[in-house]
Amino acid sequence: MHKFLAPLALLLASANPAQAQAMDAVQGDVTLDNFTFASGEKLPELKIHFTALGTPQRDAKGNITNAVMILHGTGGTGKQFLQPQFDDELFGPGQPLDAQKYYIILPDNIGHGESSKPSDGLRMKFPKYDYDDMVGAQYRMLTEKLGVKKLKLILGTSMGCMHAFMWGTARPGFAEKLAPFACLPVEIAGQNRMWRTLAIDAIKADPAWKGGNYKEPPAAGLRTVASLLMIAGANPLALQAQYPTRAAAEKYKDEAFTRAFGRADANDIIYQIDASRTYNPWPNLEKITVPVLWINSADDFINPSGYGITQKAAPRMPNAKFILIPASAETKGHGTHTWAKFWKDDLAKLMAQ
């Protein structure tokens, strides 16, 4: 089943002319029948929602030749890429991912957005998906439902960055180019695994959670998750520069917490955070021979630059270019990946190769 819905208008009610390309976006759903997860669990139907920009171009055999896929991070959706800091920099005429030139696919991955997820009704009985399942669903969406057998580019941010490395190692060459932003190609361990499990533990320790069958959201657990995510995603240098007094810092903290708290379902959060548990492309990096633009930022709490991992990993991919964006009062911590102004020119060079 493949269904297109009405043109996208939400998030863009006050759009200016520079956002006209996003106003032309459409939303669609595909249904993947008899989806088997790596755990052995099955769903008779798995829904994957996506947003699309541009028009497919086809060769003489009917194959789509201009498809690009952009993958969101943990807790995100495809529609997040229609925000001005991304959309206005990339999708307009003459820009690196000009929607008049490329067919741009922005999926909501399993457990996220409008795709199938625990909060739809199964709660903790939803199959225990991992990144292999998410990438497998992306592949089936493209090949079985959208008619895409080849991608010009996979660009992934955070979790999507990790998915891009998985695509490169598991299906070498399916994407002609890879742009993984804000991740490391190693098993989720150390501090990274610790803060994730602290968030999961906080929800499960809340008496209101009731094993996932709560009637009211487990507020105490969700408060801890929101607090951890605020710290994990922050740029300390920018926060010190912008909020140099106790009063200013606490005022900002309260405002940011209010924006973050309670926006997601507790069971969905557990699944989203834990899905990275089996991720580890490290043994197979040599399989990635296509051009790679790999970008991290020096102010990223989740993927610190001092581990020495990038220096070992990049040379194992013969056509990889690694860039570390210096920390400044303007960078956005882990979230630098979705502010295209920091890496737009580098992406343009990649697409011109």
Protein backbone atom coordinates (compact mmCIF):
# COMPACT_ATOMS: atom_id res chain seq x y z
CA MET A 1 0.00 0.00 0.00
CA HIS A 2 1.27 3.44 -0.88
CA LYS A 3 -0.73 6.56 -0.20
CA PHE A 4 0.03 10.23 -0.81
CA LEU A 5 -1.76 12.81 1.31
CA ALA A 6 -2.38 16.53 1.00
CA PRO A 7 0.45 19.04 0.45
CA LEU A 8 2.25 19.88 3.67
CA ALA A 9 1.21 23.13 5.32
CA LEU A 10 1.76 22.53 9.02
CA LEU A 11 4.95 24.01 10.45
CA LEU A 12 4.83 26.48 7.57
CA ALA A 13 1.76 28.61 8.20
CA SER A 14 3.90 31.75 8.31
CA ALA A 15 6.27 30.68 5.57
CA ASN A 16 7.97 33.37 3.51
CA PRO A 17 8.78 33.16 -0.22
CA ALA A 18 12.15 31.59 0.57
CA GLN A 19 10.26 28.56 1.91
CA ALA A 20 8.16 27.99 -1.21
CA GLN A 21 9.87 24.68 -1.88
CA ALA A 22 8.73 23.35 1.50
CA MET A 23 5.17 24.49 0.82
CA ASP A 24 5.22 22.11 -2.15
CA ALA A 25 6.11 19.13 0.06
CA VAL A 26 3.74 16.19 0.19
CA GLN A 27 3.23 13.58 2.85
CA GLY A 28 2.85 9.90 2.12
CA ASP A 29 2.44 6.56 3.85
CA VAL A 30 3.64 3.14 2.81
CA THR A 31 2.59 -0.13 4.40
CA LEU A 32 5.19 -2.89 4.63
CA ASP A 33 3.41 -6.22 4.88
CA ASN A 34 4.61 -9.03 7.16
CA PHE A 35 7.54 -7.12 8.58
CA THR A 36 9.91 -9.37 10.53
CA PHE A 37 12.18 -7.71 13.08
CA ALA A 38 15.70 -8.80 13.99
CA SER A 39 14.29 -10.08 17.30
CA GLY A 40 12.06 -12.52 15.38
CA GLU A 41 8.93 -10.56 16.28
CA LYS A 42 6.54 -9.69 13.45
CA LEU A 43 3.94 -7.13 12.51
CA PRO A 44 1.42 -7.96 9.78
CA GLU A 45 1.60 -4.30 8.72
CA LEU A 46 4.27 -1.71 9.45
CA LYS A 47 3.46 1.85 8.43
CA ILE A 48 6.24 4.20 7.39
CA HIS A 49 5.33 7.85 6.92
CA PHE A 50 7.44 10.18 4.81
CA THR A 51 7.59 13.70 3.46
CA ALA A 52 8.78 14.29 -0.10
CA LEU A 53 10.06 17.29 -2.03
CA GLY A 54 10.66 17.55 -5.74
CA THR A 55 9.71 15.31 -8.64
CA PRO A 56 11.11 11.86 -9.49
CA GLN A 57 13.08 11.72 -12.74
CA ARG A 58 13.26 8.36 -14.53
CA ASP A 59 15.57 6.75 -17.05
CA ALA A 60 14.45 4.75 -20.09
CA LYS A 61 13.86 1.70 -17.89
CA GLY A 62 11.65 3.65 -15.48
CA ASN A 63 14.22 3.79 -12.67
CA ILE A 64 14.27 6.91 -10.52
CA THR A 65 17.60 8.66 -11.03
CA ASN A 66 17.49 11.72 -8.75
CA ALA A 67 16.46 10.44 -5.31
CA VAL A 68 18.03 11.70 -2.07
CA MET A 69 17.13 10.44 1.40
CA ILE A 70 17.62 12.48 4.59
CA LEU A 71 17.40 10.71 7.94
CA HIS A 72 16.48 12.31 11.26
CA GLY A 73 17.84 11.76 14.75
CA THR A 74 16.43 10.09 17.86
CA GLY A 75 13.01 11.49 18.65
CA GLY A 76 12.81 13.47 15.40
CA THR A 77 10.74 13.23 12.23
CA GLY A 78 11.24 13.88 8.54
CA LYS A 79 9.31 17.13 8.82
CA GLN A 80 11.99 18.62 11.08
CA PHE A 81 14.07 19.25 7.96
CA LEU A 82 11.49 21.79 6.78
CA GLN A 83 12.61 24.18 9.52
CA PRO A 84 14.27 27.35 8.15
CA GLN A 85 17.78 26.56 9.42
CA PHE A 86 17.81 23.51 7.15
CA ASP A 87 15.19 24.06 4.47
CA ASP A 88 16.12 27.63 3.55
CA GLU A 89 19.79 26.73 3.18
CA LEU A 90 19.49 23.56 1.10
CA PHE A 91 16.30 23.01 -0.89
CA GLY A 92 15.85 26.25 -2.84
CA PRO A 93 16.88 26.98 -6.44
CA GLY A 94 20.63 26.66 -6.94
CA GLN A 95 21.19 25.29 -3.46
CA PRO A 96 23.02 21.99 -2.73
CA LEU A 97 19.84 19.88 -2.63
CA ASP A 98 17.70 21.94 -5.00
CA ALA A 99 14.19 20.45 -4.91
CA GLN A 100 13.79 21.32 -8.59
CA LYS A 101 16.68 18.94 -9.32
CA TYR A 102 16.36 16.20 -6.68
CA TYR A 103 13.55 14.00 -5.40
CA ILE A 104 14.06 14.34 -1.63
CA ILE A 105 12.63 11.69 0.71
CA LEU A 106 12.33 12.47 4.43
CA PRO A 107 11.04 9.38 6.28
CA ASP A 108 9.71 9.13 9.82
CA ASN A 109 11.60 6.08 11.00
CA ILE A 110 10.06 3.19 12.95
CA GLY A 111 8.88 4.38 16.35
CA HIS A 112 8.86 8.04 15.32
CA GLY A 113 6.45 10.67 14.04
CA GLU A 114 3.54 9.23 12.09
CA SER A 115 5.14 5.83 11.49
CA SER A 116 4.20 2.73 13.50
CA LYS A 117 5.25 3.08 17.15
CA PRO A 118 4.51 1.70 20.62
CA SER A 119 2.11 4.50 21.54
CA ASP A 120 -0.21 3.49 18.70
CA GLY A 121 -1.61 0.86 21.08
CA LEU A 122 0.81 -2.02 21.60
CA ARG A 123 2.89 -0.07 24.11
CA MET A 124 5.67 -2.33 25.49
CA LYS A 125 4.36 -5.24 23.41
CA PHE A 126 5.52 -3.44 20.27
CA PRO A 127 8.41 -5.37 18.64
CA LYS A 128 11.78 -4.40 20.15
CA TYR A 129 13.14 -2.73 17.03
CA ASP A 130 16.76 -1.73 16.55
CA TYR A 131 18.72 0.21 13.93
CA ASP A 132 18.92 -2.84 11.64
CA ASP A 133 15.12 -2.90 11.56
CA MET A 134 14.92 0.83 10.89
CA VAL A 135 17.38 0.64 7.99
CA GLY A 136 15.61 -2.45 6.67
CA ALA A 137 12.30 -0.57 6.66
CA GLN A 138 13.93 2.33 4.82
CA TYR A 139 15.20 -0.11 2.19
CA ARG A 140 11.81 -1.75 1.72
CA MET A 141 10.09 1.64 1.53
CA LEU A 142 12.45 2.77 -1.21
CA THR A 143 12.64 -0.39 -3.29
CA GLU A 144 9.19 -1.95 -2.87
CA LYS A 145 6.98 1.12 -2.58
CA LEU A 146 8.70 4.15 -4.06
CA GLY A 147 10.54 2.47 -6.93
CA VAL A 148 13.96 3.74 -5.86
CA LYS A 149 16.79 1.31 -6.61
CA LYS A 150 19.60 3.83 -6.23
CA LEU A 151 20.12 7.03 -4.22
CA LYS A 152 22.24 10.01 -5.16
CA LEU A 153 22.85 10.71 -1.47
CA ILE A 154 22.01 9.61 2.05
CA LEU A 155 22.39 12.47 4.51
CA GLY A 156 21.83 11.51 8.12
CA THR A 157 21.90 13.51 11.35
CA SER A 158 22.66 11.93 14.76
CA MET A 159 20.74 8.62 14.68
CA GLY A 160 20.43 9.20 10.93
CA CYS A 161 24.21 9.61 10.81
CA MET A 162 24.55 6.14 12.29
CA HIS A 163 22.01 4.82 9.82
CA ALA A 164 24.11 6.27 6.99
CA PHE A 165 27.15 4.30 8.18
CA MET A 166 24.97 1.18 8.34
CA TRP A 167 23.77 1.74 4.77
CA GLY A 168 27.38 2.12 3.64
CA THR A 169 28.51 -1.12 5.27
CA ALA A 170 25.42 -3.30 4.72
CA ARG A 171 24.44 -2.12 1.21
CA PRO A 172 27.61 -0.68 -0.33
CA GLY A 173 26.94 1.53 -3.34
CA PHE A 174 23.17 1.78 -2.97
CA ALA A 175 23.81 5.45 -2.22
CA GLU A 176 26.33 7.14 -4.50
CA LYS A 177 27.39 9.47 -1.68
CA LEU A 178 27.06 9.51 2.10
CA ALA A 179 26.89 12.50 4.44
CA PRO A 180 26.85 11.29 8.07
CA PHE A 181 26.66 14.21 10.52
CA ALA A 182 27.11 14.00 14.32
CA CYS A 183 27.97 10.44 15.21
CA LEU A 184 30.77 7.91 15.54
CA PRO A 185 30.93 4.55 13.69
CA VAL A 186 31.44 2.50 16.86
CA GLU A 187 29.31 0.55 19.31
CA ILE A 188 27.25 2.74 21.64
CA ALA A 189 29.22 2.34 24.87
CA GLY A 190 30.90 4.42 27.57
CA GLN A 191 29.21 7.69 28.47
CA ASN A 192 26.94 7.51 25.42
CA ARG A 193 25.34 4.26 26.53
CA MET A 194 25.26 5.40 30.15
CA TRP A 195 23.20 8.55 29.66
CA ARG A 196 20.80 6.65 27.41
CA THR A 197 20.21 3.94 30.01
CA LEU A 198 19.91 6.55 32.76
CA ALA A 199 17.03 8.07 30.80
CA ILE A 200 15.37 4.68 30.30
CA ASP A 201 15.89 3.74 33.95
CA ALA A 202 14.30 7.00 35.09
CA ILE A 203 11.07 6.23 33.25
CA LYS A 204 10.95 2.63 34.42
CA ALA A 205 11.63 3.64 38.04
CA ASP A 206 8.65 6.01 38.09
CA PRO A 207 5.77 4.21 39.86
CA ALA A 208 3.36 5.82 37.40
CA TRP A 209 4.95 3.93 34.49
CA LYS A 210 3.34 0.62 35.54
CA GLY A 211 5.35 -1.47 33.12
CA GLY A 212 4.28 0.74 30.24
CA ASN A 213 0.54 0.50 30.95
CA TYR A 214 0.19 3.94 32.56
CA LYS A 215 -3.03 5.91 32.63
CA GLU A 216 -1.20 9.19 33.28
CA PRO A 217 2.27 9.92 31.91
CA PRO A 218 5.14 9.07 34.31
CA ALA A 219 5.99 12.73 34.90
CA ALA A 220 8.95 12.22 37.23
CA GLY A 221 10.68 9.93 34.77
CA LEU A 222 9.94 12.24 31.86
CA ARG A 223 11.37 15.20 33.81
CA THR A 224 14.67 13.33 34.19
CA VAL A 225 14.72 12.45 30.49
CA ALA A 226 14.08 16.07 29.48
CA SER A 227 16.87 17.21 31.82
CA LEU A 228 19.37 14.71 30.44
CA LEU A 229 18.52 15.61 26.85
CA MET A 230 18.96 19.33 27.57
CA ILE A 231 22.49 18.72 28.85
CA ALA A 232 23.41 16.16 26.18
CA GLY A 233 22.38 18.47 23.35
CA ALA A 234 23.84 21.71 24.67
CA ASN A 235 26.87 23.79 23.66
CA PRO A 236 28.53 24.86 26.97
CA LEU A 237 30.51 27.64 25.29
CA ALA A 238 27.39 29.20 23.80
CA LEU A 239 25.41 28.86 27.03
CA GLN A 240 28.16 30.57 29.02
CA ALA A 241 28.37 33.40 26.47
CA GLN A 242 24.63 33.90 26.15
CA TYR A 243 23.63 33.38 29.82
CA PRO A 244 26.60 34.64 31.87
CA THR A 245 24.68 35.20 35.13
CA ARG A 246 22.88 32.80 37.45
CA ALA A 247 19.55 34.53 36.86
CA ALA A 248 19.89 34.45 33.07
CA ALA A 249 20.95 30.79 33.06
CA GLU A 250 18.07 29.68 35.29
CA LYS A 251 15.54 31.68 33.27
CA TYR A 252 16.73 30.05 30.04
CA LYS A 253 16.77 26.63 31.70
CA ASP A 254 13.16 26.99 32.79
CA GLU A 255 12.04 28.13 29.33
CA ALA A 256 13.96 25.36 27.53
CA PHE A 257 12.67 22.73 29.93
CA THR A 258 9.09 23.84 29.38
CA ARG A 259 9.55 23.46 25.63
CA ALA A 260 11.03 19.98 25.97
CA PHE A 261 9.05 18.39 28.80
CA GLY A 262 6.14 16.11 28.04
CA ARG A 263 6.29 16.30 24.26
CA ALA A 264 6.77 12.56 23.69
CA ASP A 265 5.24 9.33 24.95
CA ALA A 266 7.26 7.51 27.62
CA ASN A 267 7.17 4.12 25.93
CA ASP A 268 8.13 5.65 22.59
CA ILE A 269 11.12 7.31 24.28
CA ILE A 270 12.32 4.03 25.77
CA TYR A 271 12.22 2.33 22.38
CA GLN A 272 13.80 5.29 20.56
CA ILE A 273 16.75 5.54 22.92
CA ASP A 274 17.34 1.80 23.22
CA ALA A 275 17.20 1.14 19.46
CA SER A 276 20.92 1.95 19.21
CA ARG A 277 21.87 -1.01 21.41
CA THR A 278 23.08 -3.24 18.52
CA TYR A 279 24.72 -0.51 16.42
CA ASN A 280 28.34 -1.19 15.43
CA PRO A 281 29.55 -0.63 11.84
CA TRP A 282 33.20 -0.52 12.97
CA PRO A 283 34.28 -3.97 11.68
CA ASN A 284 33.09 -3.21 8.14
CA LEU A 285 34.12 0.38 7.43
CA GLU A 286 36.38 -0.70 4.55
CA LYS A 287 33.25 -1.61 2.60
CA ILE A 288 32.41 2.10 2.31
CA THR A 289 34.16 3.15 -0.89
CA VAL A 290 31.78 5.87 -2.14
CA PRO A 291 32.51 9.54 -1.39
CA VAL A 292 31.76 10.33 2.26
CA LEU A 293 31.41 13.73 3.91
CA TRP A 294 31.57 13.03 7.65
CA ILE A 295 31.08 16.03 9.92
CA ASN A 296 31.09 16.27 13.70
CA SER A 297 31.27 19.33 15.94
CA ALA A 298 33.76 19.98 18.73
CA ASP A 299 30.99 21.00 21.13
CA ASP A 300 29.11 17.68 20.86
CA PHE A 301 28.60 16.13 24.32
CA ILE A 302 27.26 12.89 22.80
CA ASN A 303 30.18 12.38 20.40
CA PRO A 304 33.25 14.01 22.00
CA SER A 305 36.08 14.83 19.64
CA GLY A 306 38.89 13.66 21.93
CA TYR A 307 38.32 9.91 21.71
CA GLY A 308 40.66 9.41 18.74
CA ILE A 309 38.00 7.39 16.95
CA THR A 310 37.61 9.67 13.94
CA GLN A 311 41.37 9.64 13.27
CA LYS A 312 41.31 5.84 13.08
CA ALA A 313 38.02 5.48 11.20
CA ALA A 314 38.34 8.02 8.39
CA PRO A 315 41.42 6.45 6.71
CA ARG A 316 39.62 3.10 6.53
CA MET A 317 37.12 4.63 4.08
CA PRO A 318 39.16 5.47 0.96
CA ASN A 319 36.98 8.35 -0.21
CA ALA A 320 36.01 9.84 3.14
CA LYS A 321 36.56 13.43 4.21
CA PHE A 322 36.18 14.17 7.92
CA ILE A 323 35.53 17.70 9.17
CA LEU A 324 35.37 18.81 12.80
CA ILE A 325 33.46 22.07 13.20
CA PRO A 326 35.17 24.17 15.90
CA ALA A 327 33.13 25.12 18.94
CA SER A 328 32.02 28.71 19.10
CA ALA A 329 29.31 30.82 20.66
CA GLU A 330 27.31 30.30 17.45
CA THR A 331 27.48 26.50 17.15
CA LYS A 332 24.64 24.42 18.57
CA GLY A 333 26.24 21.54 20.44
CA HIS A 334 25.07 18.16 19.21
CA GLY A 335 22.36 20.01 17.26
CA THR A 336 24.90 21.71 14.98
CA HIS A 337 24.06 18.96 12.48
CA THR A 338 20.68 20.52 11.62
CA TRP A 339 21.98 24.07 11.13
CA ALA A 340 23.05 23.82 7.51
CA LYS A 341 24.94 27.12 7.46
CA PHE A 342 27.86 25.39 9.22
CA TRP A 343 28.39 22.74 6.51
CA LYS A 344 26.37 23.83 3.47
CA ASP A 345 29.43 24.69 1.36
CA ASP A 346 31.04 21.32 2.09
CA LEU A 347 27.87 19.51 1.07
CA ALA A 348 27.80 21.50 -2.19
CA LYS A 349 31.35 20.27 -2.95
CA LEU A 350 30.33 16.68 -2.24
CA MET A 351 27.35 16.90 -4.58
CA ALA A 352 29.56 18.38 -7.30
CA GLN A 353 31.93 15.36 -7.26
